[in-house]
Amino acid sequence: MQVLVRLDEETGRLLDRVARSLGVSRAEVVRRALRLYLARGRGRMTKRMRGIVRPKLSLEELEELYWEGAR
């Protein structure tokens, strides 16, 4: 899957610096950062979604379905 992301100049420069220091592509830095971000917010994300949508599922069922789809 491809995703297009627009960055401000400062964030772009920081991304370039991190990629160079790790010896990987910018895309790899973004993938790693996104994985970390999503893994840390796993439980909190469902609770935040609860205020936006009103599913007929419990929080646990909603979270289970969300993470099954994320695999």
C-alpha atoms as a PDB file:
ATOM      1  CA  MET A   1       0.000   0.000   0.000  1.00  0.00           C
ATOM      2  CA  GLN A   2       1.242   3.467  -0.785  1.00  0.00           C
ATOM      3  CA  VAL A   3       0.400   6.579   1.194  1.00  0.00           C
ATOM      4  CA  LEU A   4       1.270  10.132   0.215  1.00  0.00           C
ATOM      5  CA  VAL A   5       2.208  12.415   3.103  1.00  0.00           C
ATOM      6  CA  ARG A   6       3.014  16.126   2.915  1.00  0.00           C
ATOM      7  CA  LEU A   7       5.528  17.406   5.450  1.00  0.00           C
ATOM      8  CA  ASP A   8       6.596  20.887   6.412  1.00  0.00           C
ATOM      9  CA  GLU A   9      10.229  21.783   5.673  1.00  0.00           C
ATOM     10  CA  GLU A  10      11.474  21.290   9.223  1.00  0.00           C
ATOM     11  CA  THR A  11       9.887  17.840   9.571  1.00  0.00           C
ATOM     12  CA  GLY A  12      11.264  16.859   6.157  1.00  0.00           C
ATOM     13  CA  ARG A  13      14.793  17.891   7.150  1.00  0.00           C
ATOM     14  CA  LEU A  14      14.511  15.969  10.416  1.00  0.00           C
ATOM     15  CA  LEU A  15      13.240  12.909   8.537  1.00  0.00           C
ATOM     16  CA  ASP A  16      16.230  13.121   6.154  1.00  0.00           C
ATOM     17  CA  ARG A  17      18.660  13.400   9.077  1.00  0.00           C
ATOM     18  CA  VAL A  18      17.165  10.407  10.897  1.00  0.00           C
ATOM     19  CA  ALA A  19      17.141   8.305   7.716  1.00  0.00           C
ATOM     20  CA  ARG A  20      20.795   9.127   6.996  1.00  0.00           C
ATOM     21  CA  SER A  21      21.867   8.399  10.562  1.00  0.00           C
ATOM     22  CA  LEU A  22      20.106   5.015  10.518  1.00  0.00           C
ATOM     23  CA  GLY A  23      21.230   4.197   6.991  1.00  0.00           C
ATOM     24  CA  VAL A  24      17.682   3.514   5.791  1.00  0.00           C
ATOM     25  CA  SER A  25      15.218   5.192   3.445  1.00  0.00           C
ATOM     26  CA  ARG A  26      12.811   7.907   4.520  1.00  0.00           C
ATOM     27  CA  ALA A  27       9.965   5.476   3.831  1.00  0.00           C
ATOM     28  CA  GLU A  28      11.498   2.976   6.265  1.00  0.00           C
ATOM     29  CA  VAL A  29      11.765   5.637   8.984  1.00  0.00           C
ATOM     30  CA  VAL A  30       8.101   6.530   8.483  1.00  0.00           C
ATOM     31  CA  ARG A  31       7.064   2.840   8.563  1.00  0.00           C
ATOM     32  CA  ARG A  32       8.950   2.231  11.810  1.00  0.00           C
ATOM     33  CA  ALA A  33       7.610   5.384  13.441  1.00  0.00           C
ATOM     34  CA  LEU A  34       4.049   4.583  12.425  1.00  0.00           C
ATOM     35  CA  ARG A  35       4.313   1.026  13.762  1.00  0.00           C
ATOM     36  CA  LEU A  36       5.572   2.349  17.096  1.00  0.00           C
ATOM     37  CA  TYR A  37       2.865   4.996  17.273  1.00  0.00           C
ATOM     38  CA  LEU A  38       0.095   2.522  16.490  1.00  0.00           C
ATOM     39  CA  ALA A  39       1.407  -0.092  18.926  1.00  0.00           C
ATOM     40  CA  ARG A  40       1.559   2.424  21.790  1.00  0.00           C
ATOM     41  CA  GLY A  41      -1.924   3.791  21.199  1.00  0.00           C
ATOM     42  CA  ARG A  42      -3.649   0.434  20.841  1.00  0.00           C
ATOM     43  CA  GLY A  43      -5.984   0.654  23.839  1.00  0.00           C
ATOM     44  CA  ARG A  44      -6.417   4.413  23.811  1.00  0.00           C
ATOM     45  CA  MET A  45      -7.324   4.550  20.141  1.00  0.00           C
ATOM     46  CA  THR A  46     -10.498   2.532  20.601  1.00  0.00           C
ATOM     47  CA  LYS A  47     -11.635   4.735  23.475  1.00  0.00           C
ATOM     48  CA  ARG A  48     -11.127   7.850  21.343  1.00  0.00           C
ATOM     49  CA  MET A  49     -13.074   6.275  18.472  1.00  0.00           C
ATOM     50  CA  ARG A  50     -15.933   5.540  20.841  1.00  0.00           C
ATOM     51  CA  GLY A  51     -16.845   9.226  20.978  1.00  0.00           C
ATOM     52  CA  ILE A  52     -16.944   9.478  17.185  1.00  0.00           C
ATOM     53  CA  VAL A  53     -18.942   6.384  16.284  1.00  0.00           C
ATOM     54  CA  ARG A  54     -21.609   4.546  18.212  1.00  0.00           C
ATOM     55  CA  PRO A  55     -21.135   0.856  17.417  1.00  0.00           C
ATOM     56  CA  LYS A  56     -23.342  -1.926  18.688  1.00  0.00           C
ATOM     57  CA  LEU A  57     -20.191  -3.677  19.860  1.00  0.00           C
ATOM     58  CA  SER A  58     -18.448  -3.498  23.200  1.00  0.00           C
ATOM     59  CA  LEU A  59     -15.108  -1.716  23.421  1.00  0.00           C
ATOM     60  CA  GLU A  60     -13.350  -5.067  23.566  1.00  0.00           C
ATOM     61  CA  GLU A  61     -15.136  -6.371  20.458  1.00  0.00           C
ATOM     62  CA  LEU A  62     -14.486  -3.144  18.582  1.00  0.00           C
ATOM     63  CA  GLU A  63     -10.792  -3.194  19.482  1.00  0.00           C
ATOM     64  CA  GLU A  64     -10.461  -6.846  18.482  1.00  0.00           C
ATOM     65  CA  LEU A  65     -12.032  -6.162  15.078  1.00  0.00           C
ATOM     66  CA  TYR A  66      -9.868  -3.083  14.576  1.00  0.00           C
ATOM     67  CA  TRP A  67      -6.613  -4.911  15.241  1.00  0.00           C
ATOM     68  CA  GLU A  68      -7.604  -7.928  13.159  1.00  0.00           C
ATOM     69  CA  GLY A  69      -8.088  -5.560  10.230  1.00  0.00           C
ATOM     70  CA  ALA A  70      -4.749  -3.852  10.907  1.00  0.00           C
ATOM     71  CA  ARG A  71      -2.779  -7.070  10.391  1.00  0.00           C
END
